[in-house]
Amino acid sequence: MSEKLKVTLIRSMIGRPEKHRKVLRGMGLTKMNKTVELENTPAIRGMIHTVSHLVKAEERSDEAV
């Protein structure tokens, strides 16, 4: 069972510091309302914390078979 995070960009990156833009691009978020699924790791959690005012994150666990 691998846990994933569903991350959605809900605020624009226009006028934000370059560091925030690089974090968002690193997560694969380039446009408003785009959603990506990322592994739940401490590195990803830190990236989400850095731009928490711009994104919405939800936990999602895989229960497939």
N, C-alpha and C. Protein backbone atom coordinates (compact mmCIF):
# COMPACT_ATOMS: atom_id res chain seq x y z
N MET A 1 0.82 -1.18 0.00
CA MET A 1 0.00 0.00 0.00
C MET A 1 0.87 1.25 0.00
N SER A 2 0.84 2.00 -1.07
CA SER A 2 1.63 3.22 -1.08
C SER A 2 0.69 4.42 -0.95
N GLU A 3 1.01 5.29 -0.04
CA GLU A 3 0.18 6.47 0.17
C GLU A 3 0.58 7.56 -0.80
N LYS A 4 -0.42 8.26 -1.29
CA LYS A 4 -0.17 9.34 -2.22
C LYS A 4 -0.88 10.59 -1.72
N LEU A 5 -0.44 11.72 -2.24
CA LEU A 5 -1.07 13.00 -1.95
C LEU A 5 -1.62 13.56 -3.24
N LYS A 6 -2.82 14.07 -3.18
CA LYS A 6 -3.44 14.72 -4.32
C LYS A 6 -3.29 16.22 -4.09
N VAL A 7 -2.52 16.90 -4.93
CA VAL A 7 -2.20 18.32 -4.74
C VAL A 7 -2.77 19.12 -5.91
N THR A 8 -3.51 20.19 -5.59
CA THR A 8 -4.15 21.03 -6.60
C THR A 8 -3.69 22.48 -6.41
N LEU A 9 -3.33 23.13 -7.51
CA LEU A 9 -2.95 24.55 -7.47
C LEU A 9 -4.24 25.38 -7.48
N ILE A 10 -4.50 26.11 -6.39
CA ILE A 10 -5.74 26.88 -6.29
C ILE A 10 -5.54 28.39 -6.36
N ARG A 11 -4.29 28.84 -6.22
CA ARG A 11 -3.99 30.27 -6.33
C ARG A 11 -2.89 30.45 -7.37
N SER A 12 -2.92 31.58 -8.06
CA SER A 12 -1.96 31.83 -9.13
C SER A 12 -0.56 32.06 -8.57
N MET A 13 0.44 31.73 -9.39
CA MET A 13 1.82 32.00 -8.98
C MET A 13 2.32 33.34 -9.49
N ILE A 14 1.46 34.12 -10.12
CA ILE A 14 1.83 35.46 -10.58
C ILE A 14 2.13 36.34 -9.38
N GLY A 15 3.27 37.01 -9.42
CA GLY A 15 3.67 37.91 -8.35
C GLY A 15 4.27 37.22 -7.14
N ARG A 16 4.49 35.92 -7.22
CA ARG A 16 5.08 35.17 -6.11
C ARG A 16 6.59 35.12 -6.27
N PRO A 17 7.31 34.91 -5.16
CA PRO A 17 8.78 34.82 -5.27
C PRO A 17 9.21 33.65 -6.16
N GLU A 18 10.36 33.79 -6.77
CA GLU A 18 10.88 32.77 -7.68
C GLU A 18 11.03 31.42 -6.97
N LYS A 19 11.37 31.44 -5.69
CA LYS A 19 11.51 30.19 -4.95
C LYS A 19 10.18 29.43 -4.91
N HIS A 20 9.08 30.11 -4.70
CA HIS A 20 7.76 29.46 -4.70
C HIS A 20 7.43 28.91 -6.08
N ARG A 21 7.76 29.65 -7.12
CA ARG A 21 7.50 29.19 -8.49
C ARG A 21 8.27 27.92 -8.80
N LYS A 22 9.53 27.87 -8.36
CA LYS A 22 10.35 26.68 -8.60
C LYS A 22 9.79 25.47 -7.87
N VAL A 23 9.30 25.67 -6.65
CA VAL A 23 8.71 24.57 -5.89
C VAL A 23 7.47 24.04 -6.62
N LEU A 24 6.62 24.95 -7.09
CA LEU A 24 5.40 24.54 -7.80
C LEU A 24 5.73 23.79 -9.08
N ARG A 25 6.71 24.30 -9.84
CA ARG A 25 7.11 23.62 -11.08
C ARG A 25 7.72 22.26 -10.77
N GLY A 26 8.45 22.16 -9.68
CA GLY A 26 9.05 20.89 -9.27
C GLY A 26 8.01 19.84 -8.94
N MET A 27 6.86 20.28 -8.44
CA MET A 27 5.76 19.36 -8.15
C MET A 27 4.93 19.07 -9.39
N GLY A 28 5.17 19.79 -10.49
CA GLY A 28 4.43 19.55 -11.72
C GLY A 28 3.19 20.41 -11.86
N LEU A 29 3.09 21.44 -11.03
CA LEU A 29 1.93 22.33 -11.08
C LEU A 29 2.28 23.57 -11.90
N THR A 30 1.68 23.68 -13.09
CA THR A 30 2.01 24.78 -13.97
C THR A 30 0.83 25.69 -14.26
N LYS A 31 -0.39 25.17 -14.10
CA LYS A 31 -1.58 25.95 -14.40
C LYS A 31 -2.56 25.90 -13.23
N MET A 32 -3.44 26.87 -13.16
CA MET A 32 -4.47 26.92 -12.12
C MET A 32 -5.37 25.68 -12.22
N ASN A 33 -5.79 25.17 -11.09
CA ASN A 33 -6.70 24.03 -10.96
C ASN A 33 -6.13 22.72 -11.50
N LYS A 34 -4.83 22.67 -11.75
CA LYS A 34 -4.21 21.42 -12.17
C LYS A 34 -3.97 20.57 -10.92
N THR A 35 -4.24 19.27 -11.04
CA THR A 35 -4.07 18.34 -9.93
C THR A 35 -3.03 17.29 -10.30
N VAL A 36 -2.13 17.00 -9.35
CA VAL A 36 -1.14 15.95 -9.54
C VAL A 36 -1.16 15.03 -8.33
N GLU A 37 -0.78 13.78 -8.54
CA GLU A 37 -0.66 12.82 -7.44
C GLU A 37 0.82 12.57 -7.20
N LEU A 38 1.25 12.79 -5.96
CA LEU A 38 2.66 12.65 -5.60
C LEU A 38 2.79 11.67 -4.45
N GLU A 39 3.96 11.03 -4.35
CA GLU A 39 4.23 10.12 -3.24
C GLU A 39 4.26 10.90 -1.93
N ASN A 40 3.84 10.28 -0.86
CA ASN A 40 3.83 10.92 0.45
C ASN A 40 5.20 10.72 1.11
N THR A 41 6.12 11.65 0.83
CA THR A 41 7.46 11.60 1.40
C THR A 41 7.73 12.89 2.17
N PRO A 42 8.71 12.88 3.05
CA PRO A 42 9.04 14.11 3.78
C PRO A 42 9.43 15.27 2.86
N ALA A 43 10.09 14.98 1.74
CA ALA A 43 10.48 16.03 0.80
C ALA A 43 9.26 16.70 0.18
N ILE A 44 8.30 15.89 -0.24
CA ILE A 44 7.08 16.44 -0.84
C ILE A 44 6.28 17.20 0.21
N ARG A 45 6.22 16.66 1.43
CA ARG A 45 5.51 17.36 2.51
C ARG A 45 6.13 18.74 2.76
N GLY A 46 7.45 18.84 2.69
CA GLY A 46 8.12 20.12 2.87
C GLY A 46 7.80 21.10 1.75
N MET A 47 7.73 20.58 0.52
CA MET A 47 7.37 21.44 -0.61
C MET A 47 5.95 21.97 -0.46
N ILE A 48 5.04 21.11 -0.02
CA ILE A 48 3.65 21.54 0.19
C ILE A 48 3.58 22.58 1.29
N HIS A 49 4.35 22.39 2.34
CA HIS A 49 4.37 23.36 3.44
C HIS A 49 4.86 24.73 2.98
N THR A 50 5.85 24.73 2.08
CA THR A 50 6.41 25.99 1.57
C THR A 50 5.36 26.81 0.82
N VAL A 51 4.51 26.14 0.05
CA VAL A 51 3.51 26.85 -0.77
C VAL A 51 2.09 26.50 -0.34
N SER A 52 1.91 26.26 0.95
CA SER A 52 0.60 25.83 1.46
C SER A 52 -0.51 26.84 1.20
N HIS A 53 -0.16 28.11 1.06
CA HIS A 53 -1.15 29.16 0.81
C HIS A 53 -1.59 29.19 -0.66
N LEU A 54 -0.93 28.40 -1.52
CA LEU A 54 -1.26 28.37 -2.94
C LEU A 54 -1.89 27.05 -3.39
N VAL A 55 -1.78 26.01 -2.57
CA VAL A 55 -2.25 24.70 -2.99
C VAL A 55 -3.24 24.10 -1.98
N LYS A 56 -3.95 23.08 -2.46
CA LYS A 56 -4.82 22.27 -1.61
C LYS A 56 -4.31 20.84 -1.70
N ALA A 57 -4.04 20.22 -0.56
CA ALA A 57 -3.50 18.87 -0.54
C ALA A 57 -4.46 17.94 0.19
N GLU A 58 -4.65 16.74 -0.38
CA GLU A 58 -5.50 15.72 0.24
C GLU A 58 -4.74 14.41 0.26
N GLU A 59 -4.89 13.66 1.33
CA GLU A 59 -4.27 12.34 1.40
C GLU A 59 -5.13 11.34 0.65
N ARG A 60 -4.48 10.38 0.02
CA ARG A 60 -5.19 9.36 -0.74
C ARG A 60 -4.40 8.07 -0.60
N SER A 61 -5.05 7.00 -0.18
CA SER A 61 -4.36 5.71 -0.09
C SER A 61 -4.87 4.78 -1.18
N ASP A 62 -3.99 3.99 -1.76
CA ASP A 62 -4.37 3.05 -2.81
C ASP A 62 -4.96 1.79 -2.19
N GLU A 63 -6.21 1.53 -2.49
CA GLU A 63 -6.87 0.32 -2.02
C GLU A 63 -7.35 -0.47 -3.24
N ALA A 64 -6.44 -0.76 -4.12
CA ALA A 64 -6.80 -1.39 -5.40
C ALA A 64 -6.59 -2.90 -5.37
N VAL A 65 -7.37 -3.58 -6.10
CA VAL A 65 -7.27 -5.01 -6.43
C VAL A 65 -8.49 -5.43 -7.17
